[in-house]
Amino acid sequence: MIRRLLPTALLALSLLALAPQPGTEAVAQGLPTRPDQPSLVIPAPPASPLGTDLQRRRRLSPGGAAAPFFTLPDGAMPFVPQTGTGPSLLPGIAPQPNLPPQFADRTPVVIDAQFRPGGQYVRQGLHWRIFSDQPEASGAFALVEESRDAQGVFALRPGGYILHVAFGTFYRVKRIQISNVPHRETMVLNAGAVRLAGKVGERTIRLQSLSFDIYAGGLFDGGEPRLVMRQVPAGDLIALQEGTYHVVSTYGDANATIRADIRIRAGQVTDATIHHRAANIRLRLVRGQEGGERIDTAAWTVLTPGGDVIKESIGAFPDMVLQEGEYLAIARHEGRVFNKRFQVEAGKDVAIEVVAQ
């Protein structure tokens, strides 16, 4: 329900803020509303199959990850770099005099999108929606046409419309005026993409062990961070509007997190590698002395020297990724408690044995 309501609310605010003159364009986020215009009720778009796929791949939020201020619907979108910049990438618009009789009173309309002014055309990942610019008695703006093609082709009656295009985590809105002459409209998205990865020293971290939270704006830009996407899988190409973003990289599910700022440029793919200072640690409870008989059942707690709980686990030999530093491992077995202090060095995966005497 939250996924369906949030995009509707954001779209309502953006559409109400548009000036009535045709030909004006605005980014549909953060625009002021006008009290003299009616409220907008628009059905939420269907869930993306890609969003469902991402949800299957995501894990529970790791304890060391940055807590989100609020979440937006999943908007990860595959991003395919384009070649060439000319309109020849897309079919030209030819007048269509031989429309079926039921469309005789309509005008051919073709819409497409570019990553930046005069730049490459977007070839996939777009969701076009066209609304009437006049509200119905209920206050809702009727959805007239819809398409997920790279180049939307429509037959519209002359009049005013609201054109909405969604791509990745953002969208744009524009008023258009249709006459009896075939009409072509190009939306400029100012969009690029990022592909995120991680390393420890010279070793690449497995993609399954990494996730990223992406926030709008840089770390020192000031203001409250705005979460754009949460737990983005490593290695995916994620479409984003041009600008600066703050990335929180989480390795494992304990406290190994690193922050960095990245810059997204329109029409370009940014490959960003986050360097972690952490290691994989396996805990073992052994009997009598180090190297002794292993005890299969124990409850584990890992703490910082200051007493902060980093990770809790129940099992024979738990594995965890820890940021470099000093820790205290506590094992509970058959009513008894055993502990050991240990040091984690970046890139040095080790087994820590706690002796039960």
Protein backbone atom coordinates (compact mmCIF):
# COMPACT_ATOMS: atom_id res chain seq x y z
CA MET A 1 0.00 0.00 0.00
CA ILE A 2 2.85 2.43 0.85
CA ARG A 3 4.50 1.71 -2.51
CA ARG A 4 1.27 2.71 -4.29
CA LEU A 5 0.42 5.82 -2.24
CA LEU A 6 3.82 7.56 -2.21
CA PRO A 7 4.30 7.88 -5.99
CA THR A 8 0.69 9.08 -6.30
CA ALA A 9 1.18 11.77 -3.66
CA LEU A 10 4.47 12.99 -5.17
CA LEU A 11 2.96 13.09 -8.65
CA ALA A 12 -0.05 15.04 -7.36
CA LEU A 13 2.16 17.74 -5.88
CA SER A 14 4.21 18.05 -9.05
CA LEU A 15 1.21 18.28 -11.41
CA LEU A 16 -0.57 20.93 -9.32
CA ALA A 17 2.53 23.11 -9.42
CA LEU A 18 2.80 23.25 -13.20
CA ALA A 19 2.12 26.61 -14.83
CA PRO A 20 -0.86 26.59 -17.21
CA GLN A 21 1.13 27.87 -20.22
CA PRO A 22 2.00 25.17 -22.75
CA GLY A 23 5.63 24.38 -23.44
CA THR A 24 6.93 24.81 -19.89
CA GLU A 25 8.87 21.98 -18.24
CA ALA A 26 9.78 21.25 -14.62
CA VAL A 27 11.30 18.54 -12.50
CA ALA A 28 8.46 16.85 -10.66
CA GLN A 29 9.96 16.92 -7.20
CA GLY A 30 9.95 19.61 -4.56
CA LEU A 31 7.63 22.01 -6.45
CA PRO A 32 5.29 24.33 -4.48
CA THR A 33 1.54 23.68 -4.66
CA ARG A 34 -1.16 26.20 -5.61
CA PRO A 35 -4.29 26.33 -3.43
CA ASP A 36 -6.50 27.51 -6.32
CA GLN A 37 -6.09 24.25 -8.23
CA PRO A 38 -8.10 21.07 -7.50
CA SER A 39 -6.53 18.04 -5.85
CA LEU A 40 -5.16 15.31 -8.09
CA VAL A 41 -6.12 11.65 -7.82
CA ILE A 42 -4.15 9.37 -10.16
CA PRO A 43 -4.03 5.56 -10.03
CA ALA A 44 -0.59 4.27 -9.03
CA PRO A 45 1.39 2.55 -11.81
CA PRO A 46 1.66 -1.24 -11.65
CA ALA A 47 4.61 -2.69 -9.77
CA SER A 48 7.71 -3.17 -11.90
CA PRO A 49 8.79 -6.80 -12.45
CA LEU A 50 12.35 -5.59 -11.90
CA GLY A 51 11.39 -4.19 -8.50
CA THR A 52 10.00 -7.61 -7.57
CA ASP A 53 13.27 -9.22 -8.65
CA LEU A 54 15.26 -6.82 -6.51
CA GLN A 55 13.09 -7.53 -3.52
CA ARG A 56 13.86 -11.23 -3.81
CA ARG A 57 17.57 -10.48 -3.74
CA ARG A 58 17.54 -8.15 -0.75
CA ARG A 59 18.45 -9.11 2.77
CA LEU A 60 17.34 -7.76 6.11
CA SER A 61 18.72 -4.34 6.90
CA PRO A 62 22.21 -4.81 8.37
CA GLY A 63 22.80 -3.42 11.83
CA GLY A 64 25.69 -1.24 10.68
CA ALA A 65 23.84 0.40 7.79
CA ALA A 66 22.73 4.02 7.93
CA ALA A 67 19.17 4.35 9.23
CA PRO A 68 16.95 5.80 6.49
CA PHE A 69 15.10 9.05 7.10
CA PHE A 70 12.29 7.83 4.86
CA THR A 71 11.94 5.46 1.95
CA LEU A 72 10.70 5.84 -1.59
CA PRO A 73 9.30 3.08 -3.79
CA ASP A 74 11.92 0.86 -5.38
CA GLY A 75 13.01 2.43 -8.64
CA ALA A 76 16.08 0.52 -9.76
CA MET A 77 16.15 0.45 -13.54
CA PRO A 78 18.53 -1.29 -15.96
CA PHE A 79 20.60 1.29 -17.79
CA VAL A 80 21.93 0.64 -21.28
CA PRO A 81 24.61 3.06 -22.54
CA GLN A 82 23.70 4.39 -25.97
CA THR A 83 25.78 5.05 -29.07
CA GLY A 84 25.21 8.02 -31.34
CA THR A 85 23.29 11.16 -30.59
CA GLY A 86 21.21 11.90 -33.67
CA PRO A 87 17.45 11.54 -34.09
CA SER A 88 18.18 8.70 -36.53
CA LEU A 89 18.36 6.41 -33.49
CA LEU A 90 14.58 6.49 -33.37
CA PRO A 91 12.04 6.19 -36.17
CA GLY A 92 11.03 9.54 -37.61
CA ILE A 93 7.52 10.86 -37.25
CA ALA A 94 5.59 10.63 -40.46
CA PRO A 95 2.09 12.07 -40.87
CA GLN A 96 -0.54 9.37 -40.64
CA PRO A 97 -3.38 10.43 -42.96
CA ASN A 98 -4.84 6.93 -43.15
CA LEU A 99 -5.96 6.59 -39.54
CA PRO A 100 -8.89 4.22 -38.90
CA PRO A 101 -12.27 5.95 -39.12
CA GLN A 102 -12.74 5.90 -35.35
CA PHE A 103 -9.52 7.96 -35.04
CA ALA A 104 -10.31 10.46 -37.79
CA ASP A 105 -10.66 13.28 -35.25
CA ARG A 106 -7.27 12.55 -33.65
CA THR A 107 -3.69 13.70 -34.16
CA PRO A 108 -0.60 11.44 -34.34
CA VAL A 109 1.69 12.17 -31.36
CA VAL A 110 5.16 10.71 -30.84
CA ILE A 111 7.21 11.26 -27.68
CA ASP A 112 10.76 10.26 -26.80
CA ALA A 113 13.43 11.15 -24.25
CA GLN A 114 17.09 12.16 -24.21
CA PHE A 115 19.64 11.78 -21.42
CA ARG A 116 20.70 15.42 -21.87
CA PRO A 117 19.93 18.25 -24.33
CA GLY A 118 21.11 17.21 -27.80
CA GLY A 119 22.47 13.96 -26.36
CA GLN A 120 21.70 10.27 -26.58
CA TYR A 121 18.17 8.94 -26.76
CA VAL A 122 16.83 6.69 -24.01
CA ARG A 123 16.09 3.28 -25.50
CA GLN A 124 14.44 1.45 -22.57
CA GLY A 125 13.21 1.78 -18.99
CA LEU A 126 10.66 4.55 -19.69
CA HIS A 127 7.06 4.69 -18.52
CA TRP A 128 4.91 7.23 -20.33
CA ARG A 129 1.52 8.39 -19.06
CA ILE A 130 -0.72 11.06 -20.59
CA PHE A 131 -3.45 12.71 -18.52
CA SER A 132 -6.18 15.15 -19.41
CA ASP A 133 -5.27 18.62 -18.15
CA GLN A 134 -8.85 19.22 -16.96
CA PRO A 135 -10.02 17.52 -13.75
CA GLU A 136 -13.19 15.48 -13.64
CA ALA A 137 -16.04 16.15 -11.22
CA SER A 138 -14.27 14.01 -8.62
CA GLY A 139 -11.14 16.15 -8.89
CA ALA A 140 -9.13 13.40 -10.57
CA PHE A 141 -7.20 13.89 -13.81
CA ALA A 142 -8.17 11.11 -16.19
CA LEU A 143 -5.45 8.84 -17.58
CA VAL A 144 -5.80 9.04 -21.37
CA GLU A 145 -2.91 6.95 -22.71
CA GLU A 146 0.00 4.91 -21.36
CA SER A 147 3.09 3.24 -22.84
CA ARG A 148 6.37 1.61 -21.78
CA ASP A 149 7.99 1.86 -25.22
CA ALA A 150 11.18 3.87 -25.70
CA GLN A 151 9.24 5.96 -28.20
CA GLY A 152 5.58 6.39 -27.33
CA VAL A 153 3.18 6.65 -30.27
CA PHE A 154 -0.34 7.91 -29.54
CA ALA A 155 -3.45 9.24 -31.29
CA LEU A 156 -4.87 12.16 -29.31
CA ARG A 157 -7.76 14.54 -29.87
CA PRO A 158 -6.70 18.20 -30.11
CA GLY A 159 -6.52 19.83 -26.69
CA GLY A 160 -4.39 20.16 -23.59
CA TYR A 161 -2.67 17.24 -21.83
CA ILE A 162 -0.24 16.53 -19.00
CA LEU A 163 2.69 14.36 -20.07
CA HIS A 164 4.42 12.30 -17.36
CA VAL A 165 7.53 10.15 -17.88
CA ALA A 166 9.14 7.98 -15.19
CA PHE A 167 12.71 6.66 -15.44
CA GLY A 168 14.56 4.99 -12.61
CA THR A 169 14.05 6.86 -9.36
CA PHE A 170 12.71 10.13 -10.77
CA TYR A 171 10.27 11.54 -13.27
CA ARG A 172 9.40 14.65 -15.24
CA VAL A 173 6.08 16.31 -16.04
CA LYS A 174 5.19 18.69 -18.87
CA ARG A 175 2.03 20.29 -20.23
CA ILE A 176 1.54 19.84 -23.98
CA GLN A 177 -0.98 21.33 -26.41
CA ILE A 178 -2.11 19.17 -29.33
CA SER A 179 -3.52 20.70 -32.53
CA ASN A 180 -4.49 19.11 -35.86
CA VAL A 181 -0.83 18.91 -36.93
CA PRO A 182 1.21 15.74 -36.13
CA HIS A 183 3.14 16.44 -32.93
CA ARG A 184 6.55 15.29 -31.66
CA GLU A 185 7.76 15.88 -28.10
CA THR A 186 11.22 15.17 -26.65
CA MET A 187 11.71 15.12 -22.87
CA VAL A 188 15.19 15.81 -21.44
CA LEU A 189 15.84 13.64 -18.39
CA ASN A 190 19.38 14.72 -17.41
CA ALA A 191 20.00 11.12 -16.34
CA GLY A 192 23.01 8.87 -15.94
CA ALA A 193 23.77 5.63 -14.13
CA VAL A 194 26.04 4.15 -11.49
CA ARG A 195 27.46 0.66 -10.99
CA LEU A 196 28.74 0.02 -7.46
CA ALA A 197 31.32 -2.51 -6.28
CA GLY A 198 33.57 -3.03 -3.26
CA LYS A 199 37.11 -4.11 -2.42
CA VAL A 200 39.20 -5.00 0.61
CA GLY A 201 42.76 -4.14 -0.31
CA GLU A 202 43.19 -5.57 -3.82
CA ARG A 203 40.56 -8.27 -3.33
CA THR A 204 37.12 -7.75 -4.84
CA ILE A 205 34.26 -8.40 -2.45
CA ARG A 206 31.63 -10.90 -3.59
CA LEU A 207 28.58 -9.10 -4.91
CA GLN A 208 26.28 -11.12 -2.64
CA SER A 209 28.05 -9.72 0.44
CA LEU A 210 27.54 -6.05 -0.47
CA SER A 211 24.65 -3.62 -0.50
CA PHE A 212 24.40 0.15 -0.82
CA ASP A 213 22.10 2.90 0.43
CA ILE A 214 21.98 5.93 -1.87
CA TYR A 215 21.11 9.42 -0.58
CA ALA A 216 20.51 12.57 -2.60
CA GLY A 217 23.19 15.25 -2.11
CA GLY A 218 26.74 15.07 -0.84
CA LEU A 219 27.88 14.51 2.73
CA PHE A 220 28.76 18.17 3.23
CA ASP A 221 25.95 19.75 1.25
CA GLY A 222 23.96 20.47 4.40
CA GLY A 223 20.31 19.77 5.10
CA GLU A 224 18.59 16.51 5.92
CA PRO A 225 19.72 13.54 3.80
CA ARG A 226 17.02 12.13 1.53
CA LEU A 227 17.08 8.41 0.90
CA VAL A 228 16.73 7.66 -2.81
CA MET A 229 17.26 3.88 -2.82
CA ARG A 230 17.92 1.36 -0.07
CA GLN A 231 20.00 -1.85 -0.21
CA VAL A 232 20.94 -1.53 -3.86
CA PRO A 233 22.66 -4.76 -4.98
CA ALA A 234 26.30 -4.50 -6.02
CA GLY A 235 27.02 -4.78 -9.74
CA ASP A 236 23.64 -3.51 -10.98
CA LEU A 237 23.38 -0.49 -13.26
CA ILE A 238 21.11 1.99 -11.49
CA ALA A 239 19.59 4.95 -13.35
CA LEU A 240 19.75 8.26 -11.44
CA GLN A 241 19.18 11.89 -12.24
CA GLU A 242 22.34 13.91 -12.80
CA GLY A 243 23.82 15.21 -9.56
CA THR A 244 25.78 14.36 -6.42
CA TYR A 245 24.84 11.40 -4.22
CA HIS A 246 26.03 10.05 -0.88
CA VAL A 247 26.54 6.27 -0.78
CA VAL A 248 26.66 4.09 2.35
CA SER A 249 28.27 0.74 1.53
CA THR A 250 27.59 -2.21 3.84
CA TYR A 251 29.78 -5.31 3.74
CA GLY A 252 28.22 -8.30 5.51
CA ASP A 253 25.56 -7.85 8.17
CA ALA A 254 27.48 -6.45 11.14
CA ASN A 255 29.32 -3.11 11.36
CA ALA A 256 31.46 -2.91 8.20
CA THR A 257 30.20 0.29 6.55
CA ILE A 258 31.96 2.92 4.44
CA ARG A 259 30.60 6.25 3.16
CA ALA A 260 31.50 8.06 -0.05
CA ASP A 261 30.17 10.76 -2.39
CA ILE A 262 29.71 10.08 -6.10
CA ARG A 263 28.86 12.30 -9.05
CA ILE A 264 26.37 11.18 -11.72
CA ARG A 265 26.67 12.79 -15.16
CA ALA A 266 23.94 12.71 -17.79
CA GLY A 267 24.40 10.04 -20.43
CA GLN A 268 27.36 8.40 -18.64
CA VAL A 269 27.86 5.29 -16.55
CA THR A 270 29.86 5.89 -13.35
CA ASP A 271 31.74 2.85 -12.01
CA ALA A 272 32.39 3.42 -8.30
CA THR A 273 34.43 1.05 -6.12
CA ILE A 274 34.17 1.44 -2.34
CA HIS A 275 37.24 0.29 -0.39
CA HIS A 276 36.39 -1.39 2.92
CA ARG A 277 38.72 -1.92 5.87
CA ALA A 278 37.26 -5.12 7.29
CA ALA A 279 37.78 -8.88 7.48
CA ASN A 280 35.77 -12.09 7.73
CA ILE A 281 35.91 -13.62 11.22
CA ARG A 282 34.89 -17.16 12.24
CA LEU A 283 34.32 -17.84 15.94
CA ARG A 284 34.98 -21.24 17.52
CA LEU A 285 34.49 -22.50 21.04
CA VAL A 286 37.05 -25.21 21.88
CA ARG A 287 37.54 -27.35 24.95
CA GLY A 288 40.63 -27.19 27.20
CA GLN A 289 43.08 -25.29 24.99
CA GLU A 290 43.48 -23.65 21.58
CA GLY A 291 43.23 -26.32 18.90
CA GLY A 292 41.19 -28.49 21.25
CA GLU A 293 37.90 -30.27 20.67
CA ARG A 294 35.29 -28.00 19.15
CA ILE A 295 32.03 -27.40 20.98
CA ASP A 296 29.11 -27.27 18.54
CA THR A 297 26.50 -25.45 20.63
CA ALA A 298 27.09 -21.93 21.92
CA ALA A 299 25.44 -18.51 22.01
CA TRP A 300 27.77 -15.76 20.83
CA THR A 301 27.94 -12.02 21.42
CA VAL A 302 30.55 -9.71 19.91
CA LEU A 303 31.09 -6.35 21.60
CA THR A 304 33.32 -3.31 21.20
CA PRO A 305 35.72 -2.43 24.06
CA GLY A 306 33.12 0.11 25.14
CA GLY A 307 30.43 -2.56 25.50
CA ASP A 308 28.40 -1.88 22.36
CA VAL A 309 26.87 -5.06 20.94
CA ILE A 310 27.97 -5.55 17.33
CA LYS A 311 26.62 -9.00 16.55
CA GLU A 312 24.76 -11.85 18.26
CA SER A 313 24.58 -15.38 16.93
CA ILE A 314 23.66 -18.91 17.96
CA GLY A 315 25.48 -21.82 16.36
CA ALA A 316 28.64 -23.84 16.15
CA PHE A 317 31.02 -21.58 14.23
CA PRO A 318 29.41 -18.27 13.25
CA ASP A 319 30.98 -16.20 10.47
CA MET A 320 30.76 -12.42 10.40
CA VAL A 321 32.40 -9.44 8.68
CA LEU A 322 33.82 -6.90 11.14
CA GLN A 323 35.33 -3.48 10.66
CA GLU A 324 39.00 -3.37 11.64
CA GLY A 325 39.51 -2.75 15.36
CA GLU A 326 39.41 -4.44 18.77
CA TYR A 327 36.52 -6.65 19.92
CA LEU A 328 35.41 -8.93 22.75
CA ALA A 329 33.87 -12.31 21.90
CA ILE A 330 31.60 -13.87 24.55
CA ALA A 331 30.44 -17.51 24.31
CA ARG A 332 27.72 -19.03 26.52
CA HIS A 333 27.55 -22.83 26.82
CA GLU A 334 25.67 -24.95 29.39
CA GLY A 335 25.27 -22.05 31.79
CA ARG A 336 28.92 -21.01 31.67
CA VAL A 337 30.43 -17.92 30.04
CA PHE A 338 33.77 -17.71 28.22
CA ASN A 339 35.35 -14.72 26.51
CA LYS A 340 38.33 -13.53 24.53
CA ARG A 341 39.58 -10.20 23.22
CA PHE A 342 40.77 -10.15 19.62
CA GLN A 343 41.96 -7.74 16.95
CA VAL A 344 40.61 -7.43 13.40
CA GLU A 345 42.99 -6.28 10.66
CA ALA A 346 41.68 -5.19 7.27
CA GLY A 347 41.82 -7.99 4.69
CA LYS A 348 43.03 -10.67 7.13
CA ASP A 349 40.31 -13.33 7.49
CA VAL A 350 40.95 -15.43 10.62
CA ALA A 351 39.35 -17.94 12.95
CA ILE A 352 39.11 -16.87 16.59
CA GLU A 353 39.16 -19.67 19.18
CA VAL A 354 37.59 -19.09 22.58
CA VAL A 355 38.75 -21.67 25.11
CA ALA A 356 36.24 -23.29 27.46
CA GLN A 357 38.18 -24.39 30.59
